[in-house]
């Protein structure tokens, strides 16, 4: 089978985007892994699939697959690429769309300057909603990792995140601790591990070891999770500039039950066709 695709990225967090509206797309985990492989396939952190939806008032369905072939609930950088893709491909003329994901509805909007703002929904902190094995809903949890006890804040942005504050993201043990946190037994569905350096009350630096993909150049939901936990801990004030290895995002959160807003770029690198 031949599939048309677009290669896109949001701050270096890169995607293969598939149009499941105008072509039939049904891929096995092995085929997804092949697509994501940087030597034999197209190469990406995640594969994004645009589909029709049966829900009234909703424009599209958005499915996300990690490089290991597993389907996940949410991807912030991917959401920005999603709205850019459906707009550029003529699938909609709306600048703001409502999109069905595995964990609810998101509303990305294409701005006049080419950036994309995404309403990422309301963050969730209850351990059962993340999910995270803990008895209490506290701001800081102690997590035993590699003979160390880490102060970690947990939150769901539609997918699970564990965020810790570090003195320097450059010196942070992302490669060592990232996979151990990702597969920690207290996270039944694994977790994205964030390493956040506070620059000032409106700026942070961030690295994220993503569940199923490893460290990426940027992580949109990880940026949201870091800012939300930083505000909740009294370390940050909204809005916050998040500097990743791929570039900057702006995250705004009003607290309580208000949604998190993420603004940043979405870029098409090339389009093509691959035979699977």
C-alpha atoms as a PDB file:
ATOM      1  CA  UNK A   1       0.000   0.000   0.000  1.00  0.00           C
ATOM      2  CA  UNK A   2       1.144   3.531  -0.778  1.00  0.00           C
ATOM      3  CA  UNK A   3       0.500   6.327   1.712  1.00  0.00           C
ATOM      4  CA  UNK A   4       0.836  10.053   1.200  1.00  0.00           C
ATOM      5  CA  UNK A   5       2.286  11.882   4.186  1.00  0.00           C
ATOM      6  CA  UNK A   6       3.612  15.212   5.402  1.00  0.00           C
ATOM      7  CA  UNK A   7       6.734  15.537   7.527  1.00  0.00           C
ATOM      8  CA  UNK A   8       6.210  18.333  10.079  1.00  0.00           C
ATOM      9  CA  UNK A   9       7.723  19.595  13.300  1.00  0.00           C
ATOM     10  CA  UNK A  10       6.966  21.827  16.251  1.00  0.00           C
ATOM     11  CA  UNK A  11      10.278  23.121  17.638  1.00  0.00           C
ATOM     12  CA  UNK A  12      12.104  20.034  16.378  1.00  0.00           C
ATOM     13  CA  UNK A  13       9.574  17.587  17.868  1.00  0.00           C
ATOM     14  CA  UNK A  14       8.878  15.915  14.525  1.00  0.00           C
ATOM     15  CA  UNK A  15       5.923  14.050  13.074  1.00  0.00           C
ATOM     16  CA  UNK A  16       4.717  12.046  10.120  1.00  0.00           C
ATOM     17  CA  UNK A  17       1.177  13.304   9.498  1.00  0.00           C
ATOM     18  CA  UNK A  18      -1.292  11.066   7.660  1.00  0.00           C
ATOM     19  CA  UNK A  19      -4.561  12.133   6.043  1.00  0.00           C
ATOM     20  CA  UNK A  20      -7.106   9.507   7.076  1.00  0.00           C
ATOM     21  CA  UNK A  21      -9.975  11.576   5.676  1.00  0.00           C
ATOM     22  CA  UNK A  22      -9.156  11.242   1.956  1.00  0.00           C
ATOM     23  CA  UNK A  23      -7.255   7.944   2.125  1.00  0.00           C
ATOM     24  CA  UNK A  24      -7.758   4.754   4.113  1.00  0.00           C
ATOM     25  CA  UNK A  25      -5.141   4.358   6.837  1.00  0.00           C
ATOM     26  CA  UNK A  26      -4.935   1.214   8.966  1.00  0.00           C
ATOM     27  CA  UNK A  27      -1.417   0.434  10.152  1.00  0.00           C
ATOM     28  CA  UNK A  28      -0.027  -2.290  12.366  1.00  0.00           C
ATOM     29  CA  UNK A  29       2.416  -1.457  15.186  1.00  0.00           C
ATOM     30  CA  UNK A  30       5.191  -2.855  12.992  1.00  0.00           C
ATOM     31  CA  UNK A  31       4.273  -0.514  10.117  1.00  0.00           C
ATOM     32  CA  UNK A  32       4.103   2.447  12.503  1.00  0.00           C
ATOM     33  CA  UNK A  33       7.578   1.615  13.805  1.00  0.00           C
ATOM     34  CA  UNK A  34       8.838   1.373  10.220  1.00  0.00           C
ATOM     35  CA  UNK A  35       7.426   4.818   9.390  1.00  0.00           C
ATOM     36  CA  UNK A  36       9.061   6.302  12.488  1.00  0.00           C
ATOM     37  CA  UNK A  37      12.452   4.669  11.898  1.00  0.00           C
ATOM     38  CA  UNK A  38      15.030   7.319  10.996  1.00  0.00           C
ATOM     39  CA  UNK A  39      17.160   4.893   8.957  1.00  0.00           C
ATOM     40  CA  UNK A  40      14.639   2.786   7.035  1.00  0.00           C
ATOM     41  CA  UNK A  41      11.435   4.869   7.166  1.00  0.00           C
ATOM     42  CA  UNK A  42      10.578   8.564   7.129  1.00  0.00           C
ATOM     43  CA  UNK A  43      11.705   9.177  10.705  1.00  0.00           C
ATOM     44  CA  UNK A  44       9.791  10.945  13.482  1.00  0.00           C
ATOM     45  CA  UNK A  45       9.029  11.134  17.185  1.00  0.00           C
ATOM     46  CA  UNK A  46       5.312  10.501  16.624  1.00  0.00           C
ATOM     47  CA  UNK A  47       2.858   9.649  13.866  1.00  0.00           C
ATOM     48  CA  UNK A  48      -0.297  11.767  13.692  1.00  0.00           C
ATOM     49  CA  UNK A  49      -3.464  10.504  12.030  1.00  0.00           C
ATOM     50  CA  UNK A  50      -6.244  12.866  10.914  1.00  0.00           C
ATOM     51  CA  UNK A  51      -9.635  11.136  10.793  1.00  0.00           C
ATOM     52  CA  UNK A  52     -13.315  11.995  10.433  1.00  0.00           C
ATOM     53  CA  UNK A  53     -15.383  12.165  13.600  1.00  0.00           C
ATOM     54  CA  UNK A  54     -18.988  11.210  14.285  1.00  0.00           C
ATOM     55  CA  UNK A  55     -19.355  13.668  17.163  1.00  0.00           C
ATOM     56  CA  UNK A  56     -21.624  16.660  16.417  1.00  0.00           C
ATOM     57  CA  UNK A  57     -19.880  20.031  16.571  1.00  0.00           C
ATOM     58  CA  UNK A  58     -16.426  18.419  16.279  1.00  0.00           C
ATOM     59  CA  UNK A  59     -14.310  18.869  13.144  1.00  0.00           C
ATOM     60  CA  UNK A  60     -11.818  15.996  13.244  1.00  0.00           C
ATOM     61  CA  UNK A  61     -10.518  13.058  15.225  1.00  0.00           C
ATOM     62  CA  UNK A  62      -6.828  13.174  16.202  1.00  0.00           C
ATOM     63  CA  UNK A  63      -4.853   9.991  16.907  1.00  0.00           C
ATOM     64  CA  UNK A  64      -1.224   9.891  18.068  1.00  0.00           C
ATOM     65  CA  UNK A  65       1.215   6.971  17.838  1.00  0.00           C
ATOM     66  CA  UNK A  66       4.662   6.984  19.419  1.00  0.00           C
ATOM     67  CA  UNK A  67       7.774   5.782  17.648  1.00  0.00           C
ATOM     68  CA  UNK A  68       7.401   2.409  19.392  1.00  0.00           C
ATOM     69  CA  UNK A  69       4.014   1.875  17.711  1.00  0.00           C
ATOM     70  CA  UNK A  70       1.903   2.477  20.819  1.00  0.00           C
ATOM     71  CA  UNK A  71      -1.094   4.823  20.716  1.00  0.00           C
ATOM     72  CA  UNK A  72      -1.119   7.669  23.268  1.00  0.00           C
ATOM     73  CA  UNK A  73      -3.650  10.188  24.487  1.00  0.00           C
ATOM     74  CA  UNK A  74      -2.251  13.628  23.698  1.00  0.00           C
ATOM     75  CA  UNK A  75       0.586  15.582  22.069  1.00  0.00           C
ATOM     76  CA  UNK A  76       0.778  19.361  22.259  1.00  0.00           C
ATOM     77  CA  UNK A  77       3.341  20.026  19.525  1.00  0.00           C
ATOM     78  CA  UNK A  78       1.428  17.589  17.368  1.00  0.00           C
ATOM     79  CA  UNK A  79      -1.813  19.487  17.968  1.00  0.00           C
ATOM     80  CA  UNK A  80      -0.244  22.615  16.501  1.00  0.00           C
ATOM     81  CA  UNK A  81       0.966  20.672  13.473  1.00  0.00           C
ATOM     82  CA  UNK A  82      -2.486  19.099  13.192  1.00  0.00           C
ATOM     83  CA  UNK A  83      -4.280  22.436  12.692  1.00  0.00           C
ATOM     84  CA  UNK A  84      -1.599  23.647  10.280  1.00  0.00           C
ATOM     85  CA  UNK A  85      -1.944  20.399   8.281  1.00  0.00           C
ATOM     86  CA  UNK A  86      -5.746  20.393   7.919  1.00  0.00           C
ATOM     87  CA  UNK A  87      -5.671  24.076   6.964  1.00  0.00           C
ATOM     88  CA  UNK A  88      -2.846  23.761   4.416  1.00  0.00           C
ATOM     89  CA  UNK A  89      -4.353  20.584   2.917  1.00  0.00           C
ATOM     90  CA  UNK A  90      -7.729  22.247   2.378  1.00  0.00           C
ATOM     91  CA  UNK A  91      -9.559  19.928   4.773  1.00  0.00           C
ATOM     92  CA  UNK A  92     -11.044  22.987   6.493  1.00  0.00           C
ATOM     93  CA  UNK A  93     -11.126  26.758   6.064  1.00  0.00           C
ATOM     94  CA  UNK A  94     -11.660  27.366   9.781  1.00  0.00           C
ATOM     95  CA  UNK A  95      -8.801  29.027  11.638  1.00  0.00           C
ATOM     96  CA  UNK A  96     -10.028  27.478  14.898  1.00  0.00           C
ATOM     97  CA  UNK A  97     -11.185  23.868  15.011  1.00  0.00           C
ATOM     98  CA  UNK A  98     -12.489  21.441  17.602  1.00  0.00           C
ATOM     99  CA  UNK A  99     -10.680  18.120  17.645  1.00  0.00           C
ATOM    100  CA  UNK A 100     -11.522  14.815  19.323  1.00  0.00           C
ATOM    101  CA  UNK A 101      -8.622  13.094  21.088  1.00  0.00           C
ATOM    102  CA  UNK A 102      -8.431   9.949  23.197  1.00  0.00           C
ATOM    103  CA  UNK A 103      -8.669  12.120  26.330  1.00  0.00           C
ATOM    104  CA  UNK A 104     -11.235  14.729  25.271  1.00  0.00           C
ATOM    105  CA  UNK A 105     -11.718  17.759  23.018  1.00  0.00           C
ATOM    106  CA  UNK A 106      -9.005  20.305  22.227  1.00  0.00           C
ATOM    107  CA  UNK A 107      -9.352  23.581  20.293  1.00  0.00           C
ATOM    108  CA  UNK A 108      -6.283  24.614  18.268  1.00  0.00           C
ATOM    109  CA  UNK A 109      -6.327  28.020  16.503  1.00  0.00           C
ATOM    110  CA  UNK A 110      -4.156  29.229  13.624  1.00  0.00           C
ATOM    111  CA  UNK A 111      -3.026  32.776  14.447  1.00  0.00           C
ATOM    112  CA  UNK A 112      -2.443  35.569  11.944  1.00  0.00           C
ATOM    113  CA  UNK A 113       1.331  35.468  12.496  1.00  0.00           C
ATOM    114  CA  UNK A 114       1.511  31.771  11.584  1.00  0.00           C
ATOM    115  CA  UNK A 115       1.841  30.507  15.145  1.00  0.00           C
ATOM    116  CA  UNK A 116      -0.770  28.177  16.594  1.00  0.00           C
ATOM    117  CA  UNK A 117      -2.524  28.486  19.945  1.00  0.00           C
ATOM    118  CA  UNK A 118      -4.008  25.352  21.480  1.00  0.00           C
ATOM    119  CA  UNK A 119      -6.512  25.160  24.324  1.00  0.00           C
ATOM    120  CA  UNK A 120      -4.992  22.111  26.011  1.00  0.00           C
ATOM    121  CA  UNK A 121      -7.806  21.672  28.512  1.00  0.00           C
ATOM    122  CA  UNK A 122      -7.806  21.721  32.293  1.00  0.00           C
ATOM    123  CA  UNK A 123      -4.888  20.027  34.067  1.00  0.00           C
ATOM    124  CA  UNK A 124      -5.707  17.134  36.386  1.00  0.00           C
ATOM    125  CA  UNK A 125      -3.869  16.479  39.626  1.00  0.00           C
ATOM    126  CA  UNK A 126      -5.681  13.622  41.361  1.00  0.00           C
ATOM    127  CA  UNK A 127      -3.402  10.537  41.357  1.00  0.00           C
ATOM    128  CA  UNK A 128      -6.165   8.315  39.953  1.00  0.00           C
ATOM    129  CA  UNK A 129      -6.603  10.661  36.957  1.00  0.00           C
ATOM    130  CA  UNK A 130      -2.933  10.572  35.926  1.00  0.00           C
ATOM    131  CA  UNK A 131      -2.717   7.587  36.849  1.00  0.00           C
ATOM    132  CA  UNK A 132      -0.201   7.555  39.719  1.00  0.00           C
ATOM    133  CA  UNK A 133      -0.083   5.253  42.717  1.00  0.00           C
ATOM    134  CA  UNK A 134      -0.371   7.548  45.740  1.00  0.00           C
ATOM    135  CA  UNK A 135      -2.771   7.961  48.632  1.00  0.00           C
ATOM    136  CA  UNK A 136      -2.818  11.768  48.769  1.00  0.00           C
ATOM    137  CA  UNK A 137      -3.184  14.650  46.308  1.00  0.00           C
ATOM    138  CA  UNK A 138      -0.150  16.720  47.268  1.00  0.00           C
ATOM    139  CA  UNK A 139       1.896  19.167  45.227  1.00  0.00           C
ATOM    140  CA  UNK A 140       5.206  17.322  45.719  1.00  0.00           C
ATOM    141  CA  UNK A 141       5.600  13.535  45.752  1.00  0.00           C
ATOM    142  CA  UNK A 142       8.790  11.744  46.711  1.00  0.00           C
ATOM    143  CA  UNK A 143       9.890   9.259  44.046  1.00  0.00           C
ATOM    144  CA  UNK A 144      12.701   6.744  44.559  1.00  0.00           C
ATOM    145  CA  UNK A 145      14.858   6.558  41.431  1.00  0.00           C
ATOM    146  CA  UNK A 146      18.344   5.027  41.090  1.00  0.00           C
ATOM    147  CA  UNK A 147      19.139   5.169  44.821  1.00  0.00           C
ATOM    148  CA  UNK A 148      17.937   8.792  44.959  1.00  0.00           C
ATOM    149  CA  UNK A 149      14.717  10.330  46.268  1.00  0.00           C
ATOM    150  CA  UNK A 150      13.377  12.929  43.845  1.00  0.00           C
ATOM    151  CA  UNK A 151      10.879  15.690  44.561  1.00  0.00           C
ATOM    152  CA  UNK A 152       8.370  15.284  41.745  1.00  0.00           C
ATOM    153  CA  UNK A 153       5.082  16.940  40.827  1.00  0.00           C
ATOM    154  CA  UNK A 154       2.600  14.879  38.825  1.00  0.00           C
ATOM    155  CA  UNK A 155      -0.130  16.119  36.496  1.00  0.00           C
ATOM    156  CA  UNK A 156      -2.194  14.941  33.553  1.00  0.00           C
ATOM    157  CA  UNK A 157      -2.410  17.172  30.486  1.00  0.00           C
ATOM    158  CA  UNK A 158      -4.429  14.470  28.760  1.00  0.00           C
ATOM    159  CA  UNK A 159      -1.320  12.315  29.200  1.00  0.00           C
ATOM    160  CA  UNK A 160       0.742  11.668  32.356  1.00  0.00           C
ATOM    161  CA  UNK A 161       3.691  13.849  33.400  1.00  0.00           C
ATOM    162  CA  UNK A 162       6.175  13.834  36.262  1.00  0.00           C
ATOM    163  CA  UNK A 163       8.088  17.114  36.590  1.00  0.00           C
ATOM    164  CA  UNK A 164      11.120  17.842  38.761  1.00  0.00           C
ATOM    165  CA  UNK A 165      13.037  21.081  39.287  1.00  0.00           C
ATOM    166  CA  UNK A 166      16.757  20.916  38.460  1.00  0.00           C
ATOM    167  CA  UNK A 167      19.550  23.453  38.810  1.00  0.00           C
ATOM    168  CA  UNK A 168      20.609  23.052  35.174  1.00  0.00           C
ATOM    169  CA  UNK A 169      18.877  21.248  32.322  1.00  0.00           C
ATOM    170  CA  UNK A 170      22.254  20.861  30.621  1.00  0.00           C
ATOM    171  CA  UNK A 171      23.620  18.898  33.601  1.00  0.00           C
ATOM    172  CA  UNK A 172      20.360  17.034  34.392  1.00  0.00           C
ATOM    173  CA  UNK A 173      20.576  13.207  34.183  1.00  0.00           C
ATOM    174  CA  UNK A 174      17.870  12.973  31.516  1.00  0.00           C
ATOM    175  CA  UNK A 175      19.379   9.950  29.794  1.00  0.00           C
ATOM    176  CA  UNK A 176      19.894   8.095  33.076  1.00  0.00           C
ATOM    177  CA  UNK A 177      16.793   9.003  35.081  1.00  0.00           C
ATOM    178  CA  UNK A 178      14.378   9.549  32.165  1.00  0.00           C
ATOM    179  CA  UNK A 179      13.767   5.880  31.292  1.00  0.00           C
ATOM    180  CA  UNK A 180      13.654   4.901  34.976  1.00  0.00           C
ATOM    181  CA  UNK A 181      10.971   7.504  35.699  1.00  0.00           C
ATOM    182  CA  UNK A 182       9.079   6.624  32.496  1.00  0.00           C
ATOM    183  CA  UNK A 183       8.726   2.994  33.597  1.00  0.00           C
ATOM    184  CA  UNK A 184       8.523   3.578  37.350  1.00  0.00           C
ATOM    185  CA  UNK A 185       6.068   1.087  38.934  1.00  0.00           C
ATOM    186  CA  UNK A 186       4.067   3.934  40.517  1.00  0.00           C
ATOM    187  CA  UNK A 187       2.945   4.976  37.005  1.00  0.00           C
ATOM    188  CA  UNK A 188       0.778   2.093  35.716  1.00  0.00           C
ATOM    189  CA  UNK A 189       0.606   3.568  32.188  1.00  0.00           C
ATOM    190  CA  UNK A 190       4.181   4.910  32.213  1.00  0.00           C
ATOM    191  CA  UNK A 191       4.891   8.644  32.281  1.00  0.00           C
ATOM    192  CA  UNK A 192       6.639  11.546  30.539  1.00  0.00           C
ATOM    193  CA  UNK A 193       9.574  12.764  32.646  1.00  0.00           C
ATOM    194  CA  UNK A 194      10.187  16.529  32.721  1.00  0.00           C
ATOM    195  CA  UNK A 195      13.352  18.291  33.928  1.00  0.00           C
ATOM    196  CA  UNK A 196      12.654  21.996  34.590  1.00  0.00           C
ATOM    197  CA  UNK A 197      15.149  24.777  35.289  1.00  0.00           C
ATOM    198  CA  UNK A 198      13.660  28.009  36.683  1.00  0.00           C
ATOM    199  CA  UNK A 199      15.143  31.085  34.942  1.00  0.00           C
ATOM    200  CA  UNK A 200      12.798  33.651  36.502  1.00  0.00           C
ATOM    201  CA  UNK A 201       9.097  33.812  37.374  1.00  0.00           C
ATOM    202  CA  UNK A 202       8.123  34.056  33.698  1.00  0.00           C
ATOM    203  CA  UNK A 203      10.754  31.822  32.073  1.00  0.00           C
ATOM    204  CA  UNK A 204      12.013  28.246  32.331  1.00  0.00           C
ATOM    205  CA  UNK A 205      14.259  25.859  30.444  1.00  0.00           C
ATOM    206  CA  UNK A 206      12.950  22.337  29.885  1.00  0.00           C
ATOM    207  CA  UNK A 207      13.982  18.876  28.735  1.00  0.00           C
ATOM    208  CA  UNK A 208      11.516  15.996  28.506  1.00  0.00           C
ATOM    209  CA  UNK A 209      12.058  12.260  28.235  1.00  0.00           C
ATOM    210  CA  UNK A 210       8.860  11.216  26.471  1.00  0.00           C
ATOM    211  CA  UNK A 211       7.016   7.985  27.079  1.00  0.00           C
ATOM    212  CA  UNK A 212       7.625   5.650  24.143  1.00  0.00           C
ATOM    213  CA  UNK A 213       9.899   8.064  22.250  1.00  0.00           C
ATOM    214  CA  UNK A 214      12.831   8.991  24.503  1.00  0.00           C
ATOM    215  CA  UNK A 215      14.102  12.551  24.805  1.00  0.00           C
ATOM    216  CA  UNK A 216      12.685  14.863  22.141  1.00  0.00           C
ATOM    217  CA  UNK A 217      13.684  18.349  21.008  1.00  0.00           C
ATOM    218  CA  UNK A 218      10.477  19.733  22.524  1.00  0.00           C
ATOM    219  CA  UNK A 219       7.317  18.470  24.200  1.00  0.00           C
ATOM    220  CA  UNK A 220       4.161  20.593  24.146  1.00  0.00           C
ATOM    221  CA  UNK A 221       2.246  18.789  26.863  1.00  0.00           C
ATOM    222  CA  UNK A 222       5.497  18.606  28.824  1.00  0.00           C
ATOM    223  CA  UNK A 223       5.822  22.393  28.606  1.00  0.00           C
ATOM    224  CA  UNK A 224       2.244  22.777  29.842  1.00  0.00           C
ATOM    225  CA  UNK A 225       2.859  20.301  32.667  1.00  0.00           C
ATOM    226  CA  UNK A 226       6.054  22.066  33.759  1.00  0.00           C
ATOM    227  CA  UNK A 227       4.437  25.509  33.848  1.00  0.00           C
ATOM    228  CA  UNK A 228       1.325  24.255  35.649  1.00  0.00           C
ATOM    229  CA  UNK A 229       3.354  22.487  38.333  1.00  0.00           C
ATOM    230  CA  UNK A 230       5.676  25.481  38.666  1.00  0.00           C
ATOM    231  CA  UNK A 231       2.729  27.838  39.187  1.00  0.00           C
ATOM    232  CA  UNK A 232       1.144  25.409  41.620  1.00  0.00           C
ATOM    233  CA  UNK A 233       4.394  25.282  43.615  1.00  0.00           C
ATOM    234  CA  UNK A 234       4.557  29.089  43.759  1.00  0.00           C
ATOM    235  CA  UNK A 235       7.680  29.253  41.574  1.00  0.00           C
ATOM    236  CA  UNK A 236       6.173  30.780  38.404  1.00  0.00           C
ATOM    237  CA  UNK A 237       3.623  33.344  37.247  1.00  0.00           C
ATOM    238  CA  UNK A 238       1.631  33.126  34.008  1.00  0.00           C
ATOM    239  CA  UNK A 239       2.454  33.571  31.171  1.00  0.00           C
ATOM    240  CA  UNK A 240       5.720  31.610  30.991  1.00  0.00           C
ATOM    241  CA  UNK A 241       8.256  31.323  28.166  1.00  0.00           C
ATOM    242  CA  UNK A 242       9.431  27.724  27.914  1.00  0.00           C
ATOM    243  CA  UNK A 243      12.790  27.267  26.206  1.00  0.00           C
ATOM    244  CA  UNK A 244      13.346  23.771  24.831  1.00  0.00           C
ATOM    245  CA  UNK A 245      16.233  22.470  22.767  1.00  0.00           C
ATOM    246  CA  UNK A 246      14.109  23.117  19.675  1.00  0.00           C
ATOM    247  CA  UNK A 247      12.924  26.648  20.524  1.00  0.00           C
ATOM    248  CA  UNK A 248      10.408  28.563  22.621  1.00  0.00           C
ATOM    249  CA  UNK A 249       6.758  28.080  23.569  1.00  0.00           C
ATOM    250  CA  UNK A 250       4.492  30.420  25.503  1.00  0.00           C
ATOM    251  CA  UNK A 251       2.269  28.788  28.127  1.00  0.00           C
ATOM    252  CA  UNK A 252      -0.531  30.596  29.989  1.00  0.00           C
ATOM    253  CA  UNK A 253      -2.635  29.222  32.848  1.00  0.00           C
ATOM    254  CA  UNK A 254      -5.052  31.096  35.105  1.00  0.00           C
ATOM    255  CA  UNK A 255      -5.122  28.372  37.764  1.00  0.00           C
ATOM    256  CA  UNK A 256      -7.898  26.268  39.287  1.00  0.00           C
ATOM    257  CA  UNK A 257     -10.261  24.792  36.676  1.00  0.00           C
ATOM    258  CA  UNK A 258      -9.120  27.025  33.825  1.00  0.00           C
ATOM    259  CA  UNK A 259      -7.601  25.594  30.642  1.00  0.00           C
ATOM    260  CA  UNK A 260      -3.921  25.798  29.713  1.00  0.00           C
ATOM    261  CA  UNK A 261      -3.134  27.782  26.538  1.00  0.00           C
ATOM    262  CA  UNK A 262      -0.044  26.913  24.506  1.00  0.00           C
ATOM    263  CA  UNK A 263       1.285  29.075  21.640  1.00  0.00           C
ATOM    264  CA  UNK A 264       4.118  28.173  19.273  1.00  0.00           C
ATOM    265  CA  UNK A 265       5.107  27.382  15.678  1.00  0.00           C
ATOM    266  CA  UNK A 266       4.196  24.482  13.391  1.00  0.00           C
ATOM    267  CA  UNK A 267       6.271  23.837  10.269  1.00  0.00           C
ATOM    268  CA  UNK A 268       5.903  21.568   7.236  1.00  0.00           C
ATOM    269  CA  UNK A 269       9.295  20.167   6.182  1.00  0.00           C
ATOM    270  CA  UNK A 270       8.303  18.133   3.126  1.00  0.00           C
ATOM    271  CA  UNK A 271       5.576  15.920   1.684  1.00  0.00           C
ATOM    272  CA  UNK A 272       5.918  12.533   0.048  1.00  0.00           C
ATOM    273  CA  UNK A 273       4.605   9.058  -0.547  1.00  0.00           C
ATOM    274  CA  UNK A 274       5.845   5.818   1.004  1.00  0.00           C
ATOM    275  CA  UNK A 275       5.089   2.198   0.170  1.00  0.00           C
ATOM    276  CA  UNK A 276       4.355  -0.094   3.132  1.00  0.00           C
END
